[in-house]
């Protein structure tokens, strides 16, 4: 079984992704900007491929009517977001992982604030990708 491990900065929260996850995407939405940085990099994982090893510092913030965001209440690391209605998968910040998950595209690109330029090899959506990336599965090596 192939795994990618991850944690928050202080390691109060640790987890592993088993077998596969979605390729990562860069999100430029204003919610990600306010909770992380100018953009966020997330992968998505089905619950059967995700396991908490430790979650003693995990707190959830109800960030909108549809989503909640998971963070460490000790070090402040922003780690996850999840649908409040459909919780069969969890989005994981790739910065918290000890391995790379290749990037396949951008969402909410119209909200991008920086002058950073991104290659044209990645698909760019001006708003939500409406599930476009969900079938792009990365098999852990």
C-alpha atoms as a PDB file:
ATOM      1  CA  UNK A   1       0.000   0.000   0.000  1.00  0.00           C
ATOM      2  CA  UNK A   2       1.495   3.335  -1.072  1.00  0.00           C
ATOM      3  CA  UNK A   3       1.049   6.359   1.198  1.00  0.00           C
ATOM      4  CA  UNK A   4       1.652  10.056   1.480  1.00  0.00           C
ATOM      5  CA  UNK A   5       1.878  11.414   5.009  1.00  0.00           C
ATOM      6  CA  UNK A   6       1.063  14.911   6.147  1.00  0.00           C
ATOM      7  CA  UNK A   7       0.776  17.063   9.235  1.00  0.00           C
ATOM      8  CA  UNK A   8       0.331  20.526  10.615  1.00  0.00           C
ATOM      9  CA  UNK A   9       3.357  22.587  11.602  1.00  0.00           C
ATOM     10  CA  UNK A  10       3.391  21.411  15.261  1.00  0.00           C
ATOM     11  CA  UNK A  11       2.379  17.813  14.358  1.00  0.00           C
ATOM     12  CA  UNK A  12      -0.725  17.834  16.628  1.00  0.00           C
ATOM     13  CA  UNK A  13      -2.570  16.765  13.495  1.00  0.00           C
ATOM     14  CA  UNK A  14      -1.104  14.040  11.321  1.00  0.00           C
ATOM     15  CA  UNK A  15      -2.667  11.906   8.629  1.00  0.00           C
ATOM     16  CA  UNK A  16      -1.982   9.736   5.643  1.00  0.00           C
ATOM     17  CA  UNK A  17      -3.386   9.426   2.155  1.00  0.00           C
ATOM     18  CA  UNK A  18      -3.471   5.834   0.927  1.00  0.00           C
ATOM     19  CA  UNK A  19      -3.240   4.641  -2.702  1.00  0.00           C
ATOM     20  CA  UNK A  20      -4.628   7.665  -4.568  1.00  0.00           C
ATOM     21  CA  UNK A  21      -5.928  11.204  -4.489  1.00  0.00           C
ATOM     22  CA  UNK A  22      -6.973  13.775  -7.045  1.00  0.00           C
ATOM     23  CA  UNK A  23      -4.248  15.755  -8.793  1.00  0.00           C
ATOM     24  CA  UNK A  24      -3.894  19.105  -7.068  1.00  0.00           C
ATOM     25  CA  UNK A  25      -5.384  22.397  -8.185  1.00  0.00           C
ATOM     26  CA  UNK A  26      -4.557  25.975  -7.342  1.00  0.00           C
ATOM     27  CA  UNK A  27      -7.539  27.899  -6.006  1.00  0.00           C
ATOM     28  CA  UNK A  28      -7.549  31.690  -6.231  1.00  0.00           C
ATOM     29  CA  UNK A  29     -10.970  32.278  -4.601  1.00  0.00           C
ATOM     30  CA  UNK A  30     -11.320  35.013  -2.004  1.00  0.00           C
ATOM     31  CA  UNK A  31     -12.105  32.467   0.740  1.00  0.00           C
ATOM     32  CA  UNK A  32      -8.774  30.682   0.141  1.00  0.00           C
ATOM     33  CA  UNK A  33      -7.009  34.047  -0.013  1.00  0.00           C
ATOM     34  CA  UNK A  34      -8.364  35.033   3.385  1.00  0.00           C
ATOM     35  CA  UNK A  35      -7.739  31.666   5.059  1.00  0.00           C
ATOM     36  CA  UNK A  36      -4.340  30.808   3.520  1.00  0.00           C
ATOM     37  CA  UNK A  37      -2.539  33.089   1.095  1.00  0.00           C
ATOM     38  CA  UNK A  38      -3.028  34.578  -2.359  1.00  0.00           C
ATOM     39  CA  UNK A  39      -3.863  31.112  -3.612  1.00  0.00           C
ATOM     40  CA  UNK A  40      -4.131  27.623  -2.166  1.00  0.00           C
ATOM     41  CA  UNK A  41      -3.048  24.261  -3.489  1.00  0.00           C
ATOM     42  CA  UNK A  42      -5.410  21.385  -2.653  1.00  0.00           C
ATOM     43  CA  UNK A  43      -5.879  17.758  -3.526  1.00  0.00           C
ATOM     44  CA  UNK A  44      -9.071  15.821  -2.804  1.00  0.00           C
ATOM     45  CA  UNK A  45      -9.204  12.417  -1.150  1.00  0.00           C
ATOM     46  CA  UNK A  46     -12.037   9.931  -0.801  1.00  0.00           C
ATOM     47  CA  UNK A  47     -12.607   9.022   2.864  1.00  0.00           C
ATOM     48  CA  UNK A  48     -11.619   5.386   2.258  1.00  0.00           C
ATOM     49  CA  UNK A  49      -8.154   6.644   1.179  1.00  0.00           C
ATOM     50  CA  UNK A  50      -7.683   9.051   4.103  1.00  0.00           C
ATOM     51  CA  UNK A  51      -6.776   8.292   7.703  1.00  0.00           C
ATOM     52  CA  UNK A  52      -6.072  10.558  10.680  1.00  0.00           C
ATOM     53  CA  UNK A  53      -3.082   9.386  12.737  1.00  0.00           C
ATOM     54  CA  UNK A  54      -3.557  12.192  15.270  1.00  0.00           C
ATOM     55  CA  UNK A  55      -6.162  14.923  15.383  1.00  0.00           C
ATOM     56  CA  UNK A  56      -5.928  16.333  18.892  1.00  0.00           C
ATOM     57  CA  UNK A  57      -5.565  19.936  17.638  1.00  0.00           C
ATOM     58  CA  UNK A  58      -8.172  19.715  14.872  1.00  0.00           C
ATOM     59  CA  UNK A  59     -10.892  22.368  14.859  1.00  0.00           C
ATOM     60  CA  UNK A  60     -13.447  23.073  12.163  1.00  0.00           C
ATOM     61  CA  UNK A  61     -14.618  26.533  11.118  1.00  0.00           C
ATOM     62  CA  UNK A  62     -17.949  26.836   9.281  1.00  0.00           C
ATOM     63  CA  UNK A  63     -16.643  29.111   6.534  1.00  0.00           C
ATOM     64  CA  UNK A  64     -19.837  29.230   4.456  1.00  0.00           C
ATOM     65  CA  UNK A  65     -23.246  27.604   4.142  1.00  0.00           C
ATOM     66  CA  UNK A  66     -21.677  24.831   2.057  1.00  0.00           C
ATOM     67  CA  UNK A  67     -18.155  24.323   3.426  1.00  0.00           C
ATOM     68  CA  UNK A  68     -16.129  23.981   6.591  1.00  0.00           C
ATOM     69  CA  UNK A  69     -12.371  24.420   6.990  1.00  0.00           C
ATOM     70  CA  UNK A  70     -10.120  22.355   9.240  1.00  0.00           C
ATOM     71  CA  UNK A  71      -7.161  23.886  11.036  1.00  0.00           C
ATOM     72  CA  UNK A  72      -4.861  23.232  13.988  1.00  0.00           C
ATOM     73  CA  UNK A  73      -5.913  25.178  17.054  1.00  0.00           C
ATOM     74  CA  UNK A  74      -2.348  24.969  18.369  1.00  0.00           C
ATOM     75  CA  UNK A  75      -0.141  26.200  15.486  1.00  0.00           C
ATOM     76  CA  UNK A  76      -2.838  27.668  13.205  1.00  0.00           C
ATOM     77  CA  UNK A  77      -2.056  25.569  10.132  1.00  0.00           C
ATOM     78  CA  UNK A  78      -4.912  25.586   7.629  1.00  0.00           C
ATOM     79  CA  UNK A  79      -5.142  21.988   6.416  1.00  0.00           C
ATOM     80  CA  UNK A  80      -8.531  20.936   5.044  1.00  0.00           C
ATOM     81  CA  UNK A  81     -11.850  21.928   3.648  1.00  0.00           C
ATOM     82  CA  UNK A  82     -14.903  19.758   3.313  1.00  0.00           C
ATOM     83  CA  UNK A  83     -18.487  19.996   2.144  1.00  0.00           C
ATOM     84  CA  UNK A  84     -20.897  20.330   5.045  1.00  0.00           C
ATOM     85  CA  UNK A  85     -23.490  18.294   3.140  1.00  0.00           C
ATOM     86  CA  UNK A  86     -21.440  15.722   1.193  1.00  0.00           C
ATOM     87  CA  UNK A  87     -18.602  14.591   3.442  1.00  0.00           C
ATOM     88  CA  UNK A  88     -17.462  11.470   1.550  1.00  0.00           C
ATOM     89  CA  UNK A  89     -14.218  13.245   0.619  1.00  0.00           C
ATOM     90  CA  UNK A  90     -11.850  15.788   2.113  1.00  0.00           C
ATOM     91  CA  UNK A  91      -9.719  18.432   0.408  1.00  0.00           C
ATOM     92  CA  UNK A  92      -6.179  18.514   1.788  1.00  0.00           C
ATOM     93  CA  UNK A  93      -3.698  21.369   1.520  1.00  0.00           C
ATOM     94  CA  UNK A  94      -0.738  20.015  -0.431  1.00  0.00           C
ATOM     95  CA  UNK A  95       1.623  22.199   1.603  1.00  0.00           C
ATOM     96  CA  UNK A  96       0.954  19.905   4.567  1.00  0.00           C
ATOM     97  CA  UNK A  97       2.126  16.798   2.666  1.00  0.00           C
ATOM     98  CA  UNK A  98       5.593  15.258   2.724  1.00  0.00           C
ATOM     99  CA  UNK A  99       5.391  14.435  -1.011  1.00  0.00           C
ATOM    100  CA  UNK A 100       4.381  16.256  -4.175  1.00  0.00           C
ATOM    101  CA  UNK A 101       1.005  15.879  -5.820  1.00  0.00           C
ATOM    102  CA  UNK A 102       1.301  17.312  -9.354  1.00  0.00           C
ATOM    103  CA  UNK A 103      -0.815  20.363 -10.253  1.00  0.00           C
ATOM    104  CA  UNK A 104      -3.372  20.065 -13.072  1.00  0.00           C
ATOM    105  CA  UNK A 105      -5.074  23.457 -13.079  1.00  0.00           C
ATOM    106  CA  UNK A 106      -6.566  26.564 -11.514  1.00  0.00           C
ATOM    107  CA  UNK A 107      -9.988  27.569 -10.273  1.00  0.00           C
ATOM    108  CA  UNK A 108     -11.347  31.058  -9.602  1.00  0.00           C
ATOM    109  CA  UNK A 109      -8.540  32.371 -11.779  1.00  0.00           C
ATOM    110  CA  UNK A 110     -10.475  35.625 -12.289  1.00  0.00           C
ATOM    111  CA  UNK A 111      -9.876  36.401  -8.580  1.00  0.00           C
ATOM    112  CA  UNK A 112      -6.075  36.086  -8.896  1.00  0.00           C
ATOM    113  CA  UNK A 113      -4.414  39.096  -7.272  1.00  0.00           C
ATOM    114  CA  UNK A 114      -0.707  38.632  -7.844  1.00  0.00           C
ATOM    115  CA  UNK A 115       1.362  39.388 -10.898  1.00  0.00           C
ATOM    116  CA  UNK A 116       2.734  35.850 -10.840  1.00  0.00           C
ATOM    117  CA  UNK A 117       2.470  34.210 -14.206  1.00  0.00           C
ATOM    118  CA  UNK A 118       1.492  30.573 -14.531  1.00  0.00           C
ATOM    119  CA  UNK A 119       2.284  28.306 -17.448  1.00  0.00           C
ATOM    120  CA  UNK A 120      -0.364  27.665 -20.042  1.00  0.00           C
ATOM    121  CA  UNK A 121      -0.017  23.896 -19.633  1.00  0.00           C
ATOM    122  CA  UNK A 122      -2.574  23.929 -16.795  1.00  0.00           C
ATOM    123  CA  UNK A 123      -6.307  24.326 -17.369  1.00  0.00           C
ATOM    124  CA  UNK A 124      -7.682  27.621 -15.997  1.00  0.00           C
ATOM    125  CA  UNK A 125     -11.272  28.129 -14.897  1.00  0.00           C
ATOM    126  CA  UNK A 126     -12.505  31.649 -14.220  1.00  0.00           C
ATOM    127  CA  UNK A 127     -14.862  30.298 -11.533  1.00  0.00           C
ATOM    128  CA  UNK A 128     -15.518  26.829 -10.135  1.00  0.00           C
ATOM    129  CA  UNK A 129     -14.435  23.886 -12.273  1.00  0.00           C
ATOM    130  CA  UNK A 130     -17.756  22.167 -11.428  1.00  0.00           C
ATOM    131  CA  UNK A 131     -16.068  18.824 -10.798  1.00  0.00           C
ATOM    132  CA  UNK A 132     -13.858  18.909 -13.927  1.00  0.00           C
ATOM    133  CA  UNK A 133     -10.738  17.818 -11.991  1.00  0.00           C
ATOM    134  CA  UNK A 134     -12.434  15.213  -9.785  1.00  0.00           C
ATOM    135  CA  UNK A 135     -11.773  12.342 -12.209  1.00  0.00           C
ATOM    136  CA  UNK A 136      -8.073  13.208 -12.620  1.00  0.00           C
ATOM    137  CA  UNK A 137      -6.714  10.644 -10.173  1.00  0.00           C
ATOM    138  CA  UNK A 138      -3.090  10.576  -9.061  1.00  0.00           C
ATOM    139  CA  UNK A 139      -1.856   7.100  -8.129  1.00  0.00           C
ATOM    140  CA  UNK A 140       0.650   7.432  -5.302  1.00  0.00           C
ATOM    141  CA  UNK A 141       4.096   6.205  -6.348  1.00  0.00           C
END
